C-alpha cells in the first residue's frame, strides 16, 4: 500500500488496495495503524456494492444496528444508503436526517457509541456535497491546561430526542425514545487505543449534567466553535468510488450542502462498526 497525508489536521489516503477483496491480517494491521495516527482513512477508486461494503467493514468489528428511518419510513439496515433521493425517486432539498448537516460524532446517543463509520460514494454531485472532519484531539490540546482540567470534571447528556430538536428535524417517536433513552458520557474522552484526550460532543448532546441547562448549552456551543476552527478541520471533496473510514472516538464531522440538492443525485453507502463505552 502507498499512502499520502491529506492535511496537517487529519487524514491519510491509501492506494494499492481493493476493498471488495478480503484483506490480509497484515493489511488490516497497517490500516488500523494509519487509522489510529490520522483518524480518517481514504481509499480512492473503489467499486463495491452494499454487501461488499458490509463485508469490508466487518473485518474491523461488529456492525451497529440503527434506529434512523429512511425516506421510505423503514428503519435503516446496518448497511444502508445516505441520500438526497426522495420517495418519488427524485433529488430533494430536504436532507434525511437533518442532523447529518450539523457537527456530530456518530451514535454518541448510544450507551456504547461507534468506533468507525465506513462510507462509500456511489453517486456524487459534479461539485460540492463535501464532508468535513474536525480533530477533537487537536482541539483539546489547544485548550489551556486549567480549562482542560475544569472540563475533565464534566459529563454530557447525549439524547436522540434532543438531537432531532437541535437539528430542527421531525420529533423522535415514543418508540424511538424508549429504544434510545438519554445517556451520559464524559465531556473529555480518553481514546481507548492511544490514551489521548479529546472533546466529545456535537449535535446529539442535550446538556451538561453538572451545570444549569442554559449554561451547559452555551459552553457546548463555545466548544464546538473552538473545535471547528480551520486549523482543526479537513474537508473531503467526494469522487465516485471513494471509500472512507473515520474514528468517531476523536472526530466530529458534518455533511455540507454546498451543491444543488434538488438537481444532483448524492448516494452514499454507509455502515458503522460498534465501539466501546467512553471513559
Protein backbone atom coordinates (compact mmCIF):
# COMPACT_ATOMS: atom_id res chain seq x y z
CA UNK A 1 0.00 0.00 0.00
CA UNK A 2 1.11 3.53 -0.79
CA UNK A 3 -0.01 6.40 1.45
CA UNK A 4 -0.38 10.16 1.16
CA UNK A 5 -1.05 12.54 4.05
CA UNK A 6 -4.10 14.67 3.27
CA UNK A 7 -3.72 17.65 5.61
CA UNK A 8 -1.96 18.92 8.70
CA UNK A 9 -5.10 18.36 10.77
CA UNK A 10 -6.01 14.76 9.86
CA UNK A 11 -6.46 12.25 7.07
CA UNK A 12 -4.42 9.79 5.02
CA UNK A 13 -5.08 8.35 1.56
CA UNK A 14 -4.24 4.73 0.73
CA UNK A 15 -3.72 3.39 -2.78
CA UNK A 16 -2.98 -0.13 -3.97
CA UNK A 17 -5.79 -1.79 -2.03
CA UNK A 18 -9.05 -3.29 -3.33
CA UNK A 19 -11.80 -3.13 -0.70
CA UNK A 20 -14.04 -5.77 -2.24
CA UNK A 21 -11.36 -8.42 -1.72
CA UNK A 22 -10.69 -9.90 1.74
CA UNK A 23 -7.82 -8.15 3.49
CA UNK A 24 -4.77 -9.95 4.80
CA UNK A 25 -4.04 -9.70 8.53
CA UNK A 26 -1.04 -7.53 7.64
CA UNK A 27 -3.19 -5.14 5.60
CA UNK A 28 -5.76 -4.85 8.41
CA UNK A 29 -3.00 -4.09 10.89
CA UNK A 30 -1.49 -1.42 8.62
CA UNK A 31 -4.88 0.22 8.04
CA UNK A 32 -5.57 0.27 11.78
CA UNK A 33 -2.16 1.85 12.46
CA UNK A 34 -2.84 4.57 9.90
CA UNK A 35 -6.37 4.97 11.28
CA UNK A 36 -5.00 5.49 14.78
CA UNK A 37 -2.42 8.06 13.66
CA UNK A 38 -4.50 10.02 11.16
CA UNK A 39 -8.14 9.33 12.27
CA UNK A 40 -9.51 9.40 8.68
CA UNK A 41 -8.52 6.83 6.04
CA UNK A 42 -9.48 7.41 2.38
CA UNK A 43 -9.44 4.69 -0.28
CA UNK A 44 -9.93 6.08 -3.79
CA UNK A 45 -11.18 4.33 -6.90
CA UNK A 46 -13.13 1.54 -5.22
CA UNK A 47 -16.09 -0.35 -6.67
CA UNK A 48 -18.25 -2.08 -4.06
CA UNK A 49 -21.90 -2.89 -3.57
CA UNK A 50 -23.62 -2.71 -0.19
CA UNK A 51 -22.91 -6.34 0.67
CA UNK A 52 -19.24 -5.90 -0.16
CA UNK A 53 -19.07 -2.74 1.93
CA UNK A 54 -20.55 -4.64 4.87
CA UNK A 55 -18.02 -7.45 4.42
CA UNK A 56 -15.17 -4.91 4.31
CA UNK A 57 -16.36 -3.18 7.49
CA UNK A 58 -16.85 -6.45 9.40
CA UNK A 59 -13.10 -7.01 9.18
CA UNK A 60 -12.80 -4.20 11.74
CA UNK A 61 -15.57 -5.24 14.14
CA UNK A 62 -19.29 -5.89 14.59
CA UNK A 63 -21.75 -3.71 12.69
CA UNK A 64 -24.11 -1.50 14.68
CA UNK A 65 -27.89 -1.60 14.34
CA UNK A 66 -29.80 1.62 13.62
CA UNK A 67 -32.89 3.46 14.75
CA UNK A 68 -32.81 6.09 11.98
CA UNK A 69 -35.67 5.87 9.49
CA UNK A 70 -35.03 6.34 5.77
CA UNK A 71 -37.11 8.44 3.37
CA UNK A 72 -39.42 5.47 2.77
CA UNK A 73 -40.18 5.23 6.50
CA UNK A 74 -38.29 2.00 7.09
CA UNK A 75 -35.60 1.68 9.74
CA UNK A 76 -32.16 1.73 8.15
CA UNK A 77 -30.39 -1.62 7.86
CA UNK A 78 -26.91 -1.88 9.32
CA UNK A 79 -25.66 -1.24 5.77
CA UNK A 80 -27.84 1.43 4.16
CA UNK A 81 -27.87 4.48 1.90
CA UNK A 82 -27.39 8.11 2.83
CA UNK A 83 -29.06 10.01 0.02
CA UNK A 84 -30.95 13.08 -1.11
CA UNK A 85 -33.30 10.95 -3.21
CA UNK A 86 -36.92 11.34 -2.07
CA UNK A 87 -39.70 8.78 -2.08
CA UNK A 88 -40.59 9.91 -5.63
CA UNK A 89 -37.14 8.89 -6.85
CA UNK A 90 -36.01 12.46 -7.45
CA UNK A 91 -33.41 14.59 -5.66
CA UNK A 92 -34.84 16.69 -2.84
CA UNK A 93 -33.58 19.74 -0.97
CA UNK A 94 -34.61 18.24 2.40
CA UNK A 95 -31.83 16.01 3.74
CA UNK A 96 -32.59 12.99 5.92
CA UNK A 97 -31.61 13.01 8.68
CA UNK A 98 -31.10 16.75 9.03
CA UNK A 99 -28.56 16.19 11.83
CA UNK A 100 -26.03 14.97 9.23
CA UNK A 101 -25.53 18.64 8.33
CA UNK A 102 -24.56 19.60 11.90
CA UNK A 103 -21.28 18.80 13.64
CA UNK A 104 -21.59 15.45 15.41
CA UNK A 105 -19.96 12.12 16.18
CA UNK A 106 -21.97 9.11 15.07
CA UNK A 107 -24.24 7.37 17.57
CA UNK A 108 -22.98 9.27 20.61
CA UNK A 109 -26.55 8.89 21.94
CA UNK A 110 -25.87 5.14 22.31
CA UNK A 111 -24.55 3.84 25.63
CA UNK A 112 -21.81 2.18 23.55
CA UNK A 113 -21.18 4.55 20.61
CA UNK A 114 -19.47 3.68 17.36
CA UNK A 115 -15.81 3.07 16.65
CA UNK A 116 -15.77 3.89 12.96
CA UNK A 117 -18.14 4.87 10.21
CA UNK A 118 -17.48 3.40 6.75
CA UNK A 119 -18.89 5.49 3.89
CA UNK A 120 -18.72 4.83 0.14
CA UNK A 121 -19.50 7.27 -2.66
CA UNK A 122 -21.78 5.50 -5.17
CA UNK A 123 -23.12 8.69 -6.82
CA UNK A 124 -21.91 12.20 -6.03
CA UNK A 125 -22.56 15.67 -7.47
CA UNK A 126 -20.04 17.03 -10.01
CA UNK A 127 -19.04 19.65 -7.44
CA UNK A 128 -19.76 20.02 -3.72
CA UNK A 129 -21.51 17.65 -1.37
CA UNK A 130 -18.38 17.64 0.78
CA UNK A 131 -17.89 16.07 4.21
CA UNK A 132 -15.90 17.97 6.84
CA UNK A 133 -13.99 16.49 9.77
CA UNK A 134 -12.76 18.17 12.97
CA UNK A 135 -9.86 16.79 15.01
CA UNK A 136 -11.04 16.72 18.62
CA UNK A 137 -7.62 15.64 19.93
CA UNK A 138 -6.08 18.79 18.48
CA UNK A 139 -8.94 20.94 19.75
CA UNK A 140 -8.44 19.57 23.26
CA UNK A 141 -4.67 20.01 23.12
CA UNK A 142 -5.11 23.68 22.17
CA UNK A 143 -7.06 24.48 25.36
CA UNK A 144 -5.27 25.97 28.38
CA UNK A 145 -4.29 23.37 30.96
CA UNK A 146 -6.61 24.87 33.58
CA UNK A 147 -9.55 24.65 31.14
CA UNK A 148 -8.67 21.05 30.30
CA UNK A 149 -8.80 20.20 33.99
CA UNK A 150 -12.13 22.02 34.51
CA UNK A 151 -13.76 20.30 31.57
CA UNK A 152 -12.48 16.89 32.69
CA UNK A 153 -14.87 17.12 35.66
CA UNK A 154 -17.96 17.47 33.43
CA UNK A 155 -20.31 14.95 31.83
CA UNK A 156 -22.61 15.48 28.86
CA UNK A 157 -26.09 14.05 28.34
CA UNK A 158 -26.47 12.74 24.77
CA UNK A 159 -30.04 12.29 23.56
CA UNK A 160 -31.59 11.06 20.31
CA UNK A 161 -34.73 13.03 21.20
CA UNK A 162 -32.79 16.25 21.80
CA UNK A 163 -30.65 15.70 18.70
CA UNK A 164 -33.71 15.84 16.48
CA UNK A 165 -34.87 19.01 18.21
CA UNK A 166 -31.42 20.59 17.92
CA UNK A 167 -31.39 19.92 14.17
CA UNK A 168 -34.97 21.04 13.56
CA UNK A 169 -35.89 17.55 12.41
CA UNK A 170 -39.18 15.70 12.99
CA UNK A 171 -39.57 14.85 16.69
CA UNK A 172 -38.49 11.40 17.84
CA UNK A 173 -41.33 8.94 18.31
CA UNK A 174 -42.17 7.40 21.69
CA UNK A 175 -40.76 4.07 20.48
CA UNK A 176 -37.51 5.71 19.38
CA UNK A 177 -37.14 7.48 22.73
CA UNK A 178 -37.80 4.22 24.58
CA UNK A 179 -35.29 2.39 22.38
CA UNK A 180 -32.58 5.04 22.84
CA UNK A 181 -33.08 6.92 26.11
CA UNK A 182 -30.58 9.65 27.06
CA UNK A 183 -27.09 8.53 28.04
CA UNK A 184 -24.27 10.35 29.82
CA UNK A 185 -20.66 10.43 28.60
CA UNK A 186 -17.61 12.37 29.80
CA UNK A 187 -17.02 15.69 28.04
CA UNK A 188 -13.32 14.80 27.84
CA UNK A 189 -12.95 11.33 26.41
CA UNK A 190 -9.85 9.11 26.66
CA UNK A 191 -9.06 7.24 23.46
CA UNK A 192 -9.02 3.50 24.33
CA UNK A 193 -6.15 2.73 21.92
CA UNK A 194 -3.86 5.76 22.11
CA UNK A 195 -4.70 7.13 25.56
CA UNK A 196 -5.01 10.64 24.11
CA UNK A 197 -7.69 13.02 25.37
CA UNK A 198 -10.32 14.67 23.18
CA UNK A 199 -13.51 16.67 23.37
CA UNK A 200 -16.62 14.53 22.92
CA UNK A 201 -19.79 16.37 21.92
CA UNK A 202 -21.88 17.52 18.93
CA UNK A 203 -25.48 17.99 17.82
CA UNK A 204 -26.60 14.83 19.64
CA UNK A 205 -25.98 16.49 23.03
CA UNK A 206 -28.67 17.76 25.37
CA UNK A 207 -26.88 19.45 28.27
CA UNK A 208 -24.05 19.18 30.78
CA UNK A 209 -25.08 17.18 33.83
CA UNK A 210 -23.24 19.32 36.39
CA UNK A 211 -24.38 22.73 35.10
CA UNK A 212 -27.69 24.60 34.68
CA UNK A 213 -29.12 23.67 31.28
CA UNK A 214 -28.62 27.04 29.57
CA UNK A 215 -25.11 27.48 30.96
CA UNK A 216 -24.18 23.99 29.81
CA UNK A 217 -25.64 24.54 26.35
CA UNK A 218 -23.68 27.78 25.99
CA UNK A 219 -20.46 26.01 26.98
CA UNK A 220 -21.06 23.23 24.46
CA UNK A 221 -21.73 25.77 21.71
CA UNK A 222 -18.50 27.60 22.59
CA UNK A 223 -16.52 24.36 22.49
CA UNK A 224 -17.97 23.39 19.09
CA UNK A 225 -16.94 26.78 17.72
CA UNK A 226 -13.47 26.25 19.17
CA UNK A 227 -13.13 22.71 17.80
CA UNK A 228 -14.24 23.62 14.27
CA UNK A 229 -11.72 26.37 13.64
CA UNK A 230 -9.97 25.96 10.26
CA UNK A 231 -6.72 24.63 11.75
CA UNK A 232 -8.58 21.62 13.18
CA UNK A 233 -10.72 20.84 10.10
CA UNK A 234 -10.20 18.81 6.93
CA UNK A 235 -12.71 18.88 4.04
CA UNK A 236 -13.16 15.78 1.91
CA UNK A 237 -14.26 16.50 -1.67
CA UNK A 238 -16.03 13.40 -2.91
CA UNK A 239 -15.33 11.44 -6.08
CA UNK A 240 -17.28 8.37 -7.18
CA UNK A 241 -15.57 5.32 -5.72
CA UNK A 242 -14.23 6.99 -2.58
CA UNK A 243 -14.39 4.77 0.50
CA UNK A 244 -13.79 6.43 3.87
CA UNK A 245 -13.26 5.17 7.42
CA UNK A 246 -13.05 7.61 10.30
CA UNK A 247 -12.61 7.42 14.05
CA UNK A 248 -15.78 8.59 15.80
CA UNK A 249 -13.94 8.50 19.13
CA UNK A 250 -11.86 11.57 18.25
CA UNK A 251 -13.51 13.27 15.25
CA UNK A 252 -16.65 15.26 14.65
CA UNK A 253 -17.97 15.51 11.11
CA UNK A 254 -20.76 17.03 9.07
CA UNK A 255 -22.12 16.93 5.54
CA UNK A 256 -22.03 20.21 3.62
CA UNK A 257 -24.97 21.25 1.46
CA UNK A 258 -22.74 23.13 -1.00
CA UNK A 259 -24.42 21.85 -4.14
CA UNK A 260 -27.85 21.98 -5.80
CA UNK A 261 -29.63 19.33 -3.76
CA UNK A 262 -32.75 19.37 -5.97
CA UNK A 263 -30.70 18.91 -9.14
CA UNK A 264 -27.93 16.42 -8.44
CA UNK A 265 -28.14 12.92 -7.00
CA UNK A 266 -25.96 12.03 -3.99
CA UNK A 267 -25.99 8.38 -2.90
CA UNK A 268 -23.57 7.03 -0.31
CA UNK A 269 -23.46 3.55 1.20
CA UNK A 270 -22.91 3.61 4.95
CA UNK A 271 -22.29 1.29 7.84
CA UNK A 272 -20.98 1.74 11.38
CA UNK A 273 -18.72 -0.50 13.45
CA UNK A 274 -19.58 -0.78 17.14
CA UNK A 275 -17.11 0.73 19.60
CA UNK A 276 -16.65 0.78 23.37
CA UNK A 277 -18.13 2.76 26.25
CA UNK A 278 -16.47 6.20 26.58
CA UNK A 279 -14.40 6.95 29.67
